[in-house]
N, C-alpha and C. Protein backbone atom coordinates (compact mmCIF):
# COMPACT_ATOMS: atom_id res chain seq x y z
N PRO A 1 21.85 -20.17 8.82
CA PRO A 1 23.47 -20.20 7.98
C PRO A 1 23.50 -21.73 7.81
N ALA A 2 24.21 -22.08 6.39
CA ALA A 2 24.70 -23.10 5.79
C ALA A 2 25.70 -23.98 6.58
N GLY A 3 25.16 -25.12 6.70
CA GLY A 3 25.92 -26.23 7.70
C GLY A 3 25.33 -26.00 9.51
N THR A 4 24.17 -25.52 9.45
CA THR A 4 24.04 -25.46 10.94
C THR A 4 22.14 -25.92 10.81
N PRO A 5 21.85 -26.55 11.87
CA PRO A 5 20.31 -26.47 11.76
C PRO A 5 19.47 -25.54 12.48
N ALA A 6 19.92 -24.25 12.45
CA ALA A 6 19.00 -23.18 12.89
C ALA A 6 18.53 -22.63 11.74
N PRO A 7 17.24 -22.28 11.63
CA PRO A 7 16.65 -21.31 10.41
C PRO A 7 17.42 -20.02 10.12
N LEU A 8 17.39 -19.64 8.91
CA LEU A 8 18.08 -18.31 8.38
C LEU A 8 16.84 -17.34 8.83
N GLU A 9 17.95 -16.74 9.10
CA GLU A 9 16.90 -14.84 9.64
C GLU A 9 16.63 -14.21 7.92
N CYS A 10 15.45 -14.53 7.92
CA CYS A 10 15.20 -13.63 6.42
C CYS A 10 14.53 -12.16 6.27
N CYS A 11 14.36 -11.96 7.82
CA CYS A 11 14.05 -10.69 7.53
C CYS A 11 14.92 -9.78 8.70
N HIS A 12 16.00 -9.66 8.17
CA HIS A 12 17.24 -8.89 8.90
C HIS A 12 16.86 -7.45 9.56
N GLY A 13 17.15 -7.45 11.02
CA GLY A 13 16.94 -6.02 11.18
C GLY A 13 15.53 -5.92 11.98
N ALA A 14 14.50 -6.96 11.69
CA ALA A 14 13.30 -6.85 12.08
C ALA A 14 13.30 -7.08 13.73
N THR A 15 12.45 -6.35 14.58
CA THR A 15 12.05 -6.81 16.00
C THR A 15 10.43 -6.70 15.77
N PRO A 16 10.12 -7.41 17.11
CA PRO A 16 9.04 -7.69 16.94
C PRO A 16 8.07 -6.40 17.28
N ASP A 17 8.58 -5.32 17.86
CA ASP A 17 8.35 -4.18 18.03
C ASP A 17 8.07 -2.60 16.71
N SER A 18 8.83 -3.67 15.67
CA SER A 18 9.01 -3.00 14.26
C SER A 18 8.02 -3.04 13.46
N PHE A 19 6.60 -2.63 14.34
CA PHE A 19 5.43 -2.96 13.10
C PHE A 19 5.49 -2.93 11.95
N ASN A 20 5.95 -1.45 11.21
CA ASN A 20 5.85 -1.26 9.97
C ASN A 20 7.01 -2.29 8.82
N PHE A 21 7.74 -2.50 9.60
CA PHE A 21 8.50 -3.89 8.86
C PHE A 21 7.74 -4.76 8.40
N SER A 22 8.14 -5.38 7.06
CA SER A 22 7.28 -6.72 6.37
C SER A 22 8.54 -7.18 5.78
N CYS A 23 7.94 -8.46 5.68
CA CYS A 23 9.03 -9.40 4.52
C CYS A 23 8.22 -10.11 3.87
N ALA A 24 8.38 -10.47 2.84
CA ALA A 24 8.02 -11.62 1.45
C ALA A 24 9.15 -12.66 1.18
N GLU A 25 10.04 -12.88 2.60
CA GLU A 25 10.56 -13.90 1.96
C GLU A 25 10.28 -15.00 3.17
N TYR A 26 11.12 -16.29 3.16
CA TYR A 26 10.93 -17.32 4.18
C TYR A 26 12.33 -18.10 3.22
N GLN A 27 12.55 -19.49 4.40
CA GLN A 27 13.32 -20.47 4.30
C GLN A 27 12.62 -21.77 4.98
N PRO A 28 12.56 -22.56 4.43
CA PRO A 28 11.67 -24.03 4.38
C PRO A 28 12.58 -24.46 4.60
N ASP A 29 14.26 -24.75 4.43
CA ASP A 29 14.83 -25.73 4.50
C ASP A 29 15.65 -25.16 5.72
N ALA A 30 16.24 -25.68 6.61
CA ALA A 30 16.99 -24.98 7.94
C ALA A 30 18.26 -25.51 7.36
N GLY A 31 19.41 -24.78 7.20
CA GLY A 31 20.93 -25.22 6.72
C GLY A 31 20.88 -24.28 5.84
N LYS A 32 20.31 -23.49 5.00
CA LYS A 32 20.43 -23.02 3.81
C LYS A 32 20.92 -21.64 3.97
N ALA A 33 21.98 -21.02 2.86
CA ALA A 33 22.16 -19.69 3.04
C ALA A 33 21.14 -18.70 2.67
N ASP A 34 20.11 -18.84 1.81
CA ASP A 34 19.43 -17.87 1.02
C ASP A 34 18.19 -17.74 1.17
N CYS A 35 17.85 -16.70 1.55
CA CYS A 35 16.11 -17.03 1.67
C CYS A 35 15.27 -17.16 0.22
N VAL A 36 13.95 -17.40 -0.08
CA VAL A 36 13.64 -17.31 -0.91
C VAL A 36 12.02 -16.36 -0.84
N LEU A 37 11.80 -15.88 -1.81
CA LEU A 37 10.77 -15.13 -2.41
C LEU A 37 8.98 -16.47 -1.96
N CYS A 38 8.31 -15.21 -1.08
CA CYS A 38 7.17 -16.56 -0.68
C CYS A 38 6.27 -16.53 -1.98
N PRO A 39 5.96 -17.92 -2.29
CA PRO A 39 5.07 -18.65 -3.68
C PRO A 39 3.98 -17.74 -3.54
N ALA A 40 3.72 -17.52 -4.93
CA ALA A 40 2.06 -16.89 -5.13
C ALA A 40 0.93 -17.70 -4.36
N GLY A 41 0.16 -17.00 -3.90
CA GLY A 41 -1.39 -17.52 -3.20
C GLY A 41 -1.07 -17.29 -1.33
N PHE A 42 0.51 -17.03 -1.25
CA PHE A 42 0.94 -17.28 0.30
C PHE A 42 1.75 -15.96 0.86
N ARG A 43 1.69 -16.18 1.82
CA ARG A 43 2.33 -14.90 2.93
C ARG A 43 3.14 -15.72 3.37
N CYS A 44 4.22 -15.29 4.10
CA CYS A 44 5.38 -15.07 5.31
C CYS A 44 5.01 -14.48 6.55
N ALA A 45 4.97 -14.97 7.47
CA ALA A 45 5.47 -14.76 8.99
C ALA A 45 6.00 -13.30 9.17
N GLN A 46 5.18 -12.41 9.77
CA GLN A 46 5.73 -11.24 9.95
C GLN A 46 6.51 -10.78 11.04
N PRO A 47 7.41 -10.25 11.05
CA PRO A 47 8.45 -9.99 12.17
C PRO A 47 7.49 -9.36 13.38
N GLN A 48 6.00 -8.53 12.90
CA GLN A 48 5.46 -8.12 14.03
C GLN A 48 5.05 -9.24 14.58
N GLU A 49 4.46 -10.22 14.49
CA GLU A 49 4.11 -11.77 14.73
C GLU A 49 4.81 -12.52 15.65
N GLY A 50 5.92 -11.62 16.18
CA GLY A 50 6.81 -12.60 16.58
C GLY A 50 7.83 -12.93 15.99
N ALA A 51 7.92 -13.38 14.70
CA ALA A 51 9.04 -13.99 13.72
C ALA A 51 9.55 -13.44 13.30
N GLY A 52 10.98 -13.53 13.25
CA GLY A 52 12.19 -12.80 12.42
C GLY A 52 12.13 -13.62 11.25
N TYR A 53 11.88 -14.67 11.28
CA TYR A 53 11.98 -15.87 9.88
C TYR A 53 10.85 -16.78 9.71
N ALA A 54 10.37 -17.39 8.94
CA ALA A 54 9.30 -18.21 8.58
C ALA A 54 9.95 -19.48 7.83
N LEU A 55 9.35 -20.69 8.75
CA LEU A 55 10.22 -21.94 7.84
C LEU A 55 8.75 -22.17 7.23
N ALA A 56 7.79 -22.10 7.06
CA ALA A 56 6.68 -21.98 6.21
C ALA A 56 5.85 -21.05 5.40
N ALA A 57 5.46 -21.03 4.22
CA ALA A 57 4.60 -20.14 3.98
C ALA A 57 3.43 -20.33 4.65
N ILE A 58 2.17 -19.32 4.85
CA ILE A 58 1.02 -19.36 5.40
C ILE A 58 0.00 -19.12 4.04
N PRO A 59 -1.34 -19.50 4.26
CA PRO A 59 -2.45 -19.34 3.19
C PRO A 59 -2.23 -17.67 2.86
N CYS A 60 -2.48 -17.05 1.63
CA CYS A 60 -2.96 -15.84 1.84
C CYS A 60 -4.42 -15.83 2.18
N PRO A 61 -4.48 -14.83 3.08
CA PRO A 61 -5.72 -14.41 3.86
C PRO A 61 -6.95 -14.30 2.87
N LYS A 62 -7.81 -14.03 3.37
CA LYS A 62 -9.41 -13.82 2.27
C LYS A 62 -9.15 -12.40 1.92
N ASN A 63 -9.78 -12.07 1.32
CA ASN A 63 -10.44 -10.72 0.92
C ASN A 63 -8.82 -9.93 0.16
N HIS A 64 -7.84 -10.64 -0.01
CA HIS A 64 -6.91 -10.34 -0.34
C HIS A 64 -6.07 -11.28 -1.51
N TYR A 65 -5.18 -10.89 -1.92
CA TYR A 65 -4.33 -11.64 -2.87
C TYR A 65 -2.76 -11.68 -3.21
N CYS A 66 -2.57 -12.35 -3.37
CA CYS A 66 -0.72 -12.59 -3.27
C CYS A 66 0.25 -13.18 -4.33
N PRO A 67 0.69 -12.45 -4.77
CA PRO A 67 1.64 -12.40 -6.22
C PRO A 67 2.75 -13.19 -5.65
N LYS A 68 3.57 -13.81 -6.20
CA LYS A 68 4.86 -14.28 -5.57
C LYS A 68 5.60 -13.25 -5.09
N GLY A 69 6.43 -13.46 -4.03
CA GLY A 69 7.22 -12.22 -3.31
C GLY A 69 6.48 -11.25 -3.12
N SER A 70 5.39 -11.30 -2.47
CA SER A 70 4.72 -10.04 -2.28
C SER A 70 3.96 -10.22 -1.21
N LEU A 71 3.52 -9.36 -0.29
CA LEU A 71 3.15 -9.54 1.12
C LEU A 71 1.48 -9.03 0.45
N PRO A 72 0.37 -9.50 1.23
CA PRO A 72 -1.14 -9.68 1.08
C PRO A 72 -1.70 -8.13 0.56
N ILE A 73 -2.17 -8.05 -0.54
CA ILE A 73 -3.12 -6.82 -1.15
C ILE A 73 -4.19 -6.90 -1.08
N PRO A 74 -5.12 -6.11 -0.46
CA PRO A 74 -6.45 -5.93 -0.50
C PRO A 74 -6.73 -6.14 -2.06
N CYS A 75 -8.04 -6.75 -1.95
CA CYS A 75 -8.86 -6.40 -3.36
C CYS A 75 -8.88 -4.89 -3.49
N MET A 76 -9.11 -4.47 -4.90
CA MET A 76 -9.45 -3.02 -5.31
C MET A 76 -10.30 -2.80 -4.62
N PRO A 77 -10.60 -1.34 -4.61
CA PRO A 77 -12.46 -0.67 -4.08
C PRO A 77 -13.27 -1.16 -4.74
N GLY A 78 -14.27 -1.87 -4.37
CA GLY A 78 -15.59 -2.07 -5.61
C GLY A 78 -15.35 -3.63 -5.79
N THR A 79 -14.44 -4.31 -5.34
CA THR A 79 -14.21 -5.56 -5.45
C THR A 79 -14.15 -6.48 -4.19
N TYR A 80 -14.53 -7.70 -3.97
CA TYR A 80 -14.26 -8.80 -2.36
C TYR A 80 -13.97 -9.74 -3.18
N THR A 81 -13.32 -10.64 -2.13
CA THR A 81 -13.23 -12.24 -2.36
C THR A 81 -13.73 -12.86 -0.69
N SER A 82 -13.81 -13.94 -0.81
CA SER A 82 -14.01 -14.97 0.47
C SER A 82 -13.20 -16.24 0.49
N PHE A 83 -12.61 -15.74 -0.55
CA PHE A 83 -11.46 -17.23 -0.77
C PHE A 83 -9.89 -17.00 -0.50
N THR A 84 -9.04 -17.67 0.09
CA THR A 84 -7.84 -17.68 0.28
C THR A 84 -7.10 -18.09 -0.83
N ASN A 85 -5.37 -18.12 -0.44
CA ASN A 85 -4.82 -18.49 -1.33
C ASN A 85 -4.67 -17.24 -3.23
N LEU A 86 -5.74 -16.20 -3.15
CA LEU A 86 -5.53 -15.76 -4.41
C LEU A 86 -4.86 -15.33 -5.12
N THR A 87 -4.12 -15.52 -5.77
CA THR A 87 -2.80 -14.92 -6.70
C THR A 87 -2.55 -13.61 -7.25
N SER A 88 -3.63 -13.12 -7.65
CA SER A 88 -4.03 -11.97 -8.79
C SER A 88 -5.25 -11.56 -8.55
N GLN A 89 -5.33 -10.38 -8.88
CA GLN A 89 -6.53 -9.31 -8.36
C GLN A 89 -7.88 -9.88 -8.57
N SER A 90 -7.53 -10.65 -10.37
CA SER A 90 -8.53 -11.57 -10.85
C SER A 90 -9.78 -12.19 -10.29
N GLY A 91 -9.08 -12.98 -9.09
CA GLY A 91 -9.61 -13.77 -8.13
C GLY A 91 -10.35 -12.85 -7.36
N CYS A 92 -10.61 -11.64 -7.59
CA CYS A 92 -11.89 -10.85 -6.68
C CYS A 92 -13.10 -10.22 -7.87
N PHE A 93 -14.14 -10.39 -7.06
CA PHE A 93 -15.40 -10.38 -7.77
C PHE A 93 -15.67 -8.85 -7.31
N VAL A 94 -16.71 -8.90 -8.66
CA VAL A 94 -17.01 -7.20 -8.77
C VAL A 94 -17.94 -7.19 -7.44
N CYS A 95 -18.24 -6.19 -6.88
CA CYS A 95 -19.24 -5.97 -5.62
C CYS A 95 -20.64 -6.19 -5.93
N PRO A 96 -21.49 -6.91 -5.34
CA PRO A 96 -22.54 -7.11 -5.44
C PRO A 96 -23.61 -6.02 -5.37
N ALA A 97 -24.76 -5.90 -6.24
CA ALA A 97 -25.76 -4.78 -6.56
C ALA A 97 -26.38 -4.25 -4.90
N GLY A 98 -26.10 -2.50 -4.86
CA GLY A 98 -26.84 -2.51 -3.42
C GLY A 98 -26.07 -2.70 -1.96
N LYS A 99 -24.38 -3.11 -2.44
CA LYS A 99 -23.78 -3.11 -1.25
C LYS A 99 -22.03 -2.38 -1.79
N TRP A 100 -21.67 -2.51 -0.71
CA TRP A 100 -20.11 -1.54 -0.82
C TRP A 100 -18.94 -2.14 -0.73
N CYS A 101 -18.12 -2.52 -1.14
CA CYS A 101 -16.85 -3.44 -1.01
C CYS A 101 -16.13 -2.30 -0.83
N ASP A 102 -14.60 -2.79 -0.04
CA ASP A 102 -14.11 -2.20 0.37
C ASP A 102 -12.70 -3.34 1.21
N ASN A 103 -11.65 -2.82 0.67
CA ASN A 103 -10.38 -3.66 1.12
C ASN A 103 -11.23 -5.46 1.31
N GLY A 104 -11.54 -5.55 0.21
CA GLY A 104 -11.95 -6.88 -0.25
C GLY A 104 -13.34 -7.60 0.36
N VAL A 105 -13.66 -6.46 0.96
CA VAL A 105 -15.07 -6.64 2.09
C VAL A 105 -16.27 -6.54 1.48
N VAL A 106 -17.17 -7.32 1.50
CA VAL A 106 -18.52 -6.70 1.37
C VAL A 106 -19.21 -6.18 2.72
N MET A 107 -19.88 -4.48 2.39
CA MET A 107 -20.76 -4.17 3.43
C MET A 107 -22.09 -3.90 2.78
N PRO A 108 -23.30 -3.45 3.81
CA PRO A 108 -24.39 -2.70 3.46
C PRO A 108 -24.22 -1.54 3.33
N ILE A 109 -24.71 -0.76 2.27
CA ILE A 109 -25.14 0.76 2.13
C ILE A 109 -25.59 1.51 3.53
């Protein structure tokens, strides 16, 4: 909260065992009163990772894209990527001929 050195709790009500709880907010500046949305191309640490707050955004993982204020979204079926920090589905590639792609991963048929 404002005026304190402690980070702001952005994922209110979360506990490490609340596996289905998710959060797309963080607070990079200790002492601020408001949370901010995760920037495009990044994700925020999740409560099930042992964090009820995040001081920094983490690069969006490969096989996913992360619009601003969103949790990671897997590339659509039939597409893939091996890059990180994608901001939209347009960064995912069409699956190569003779392969099968699901959740952003290329697999043999």
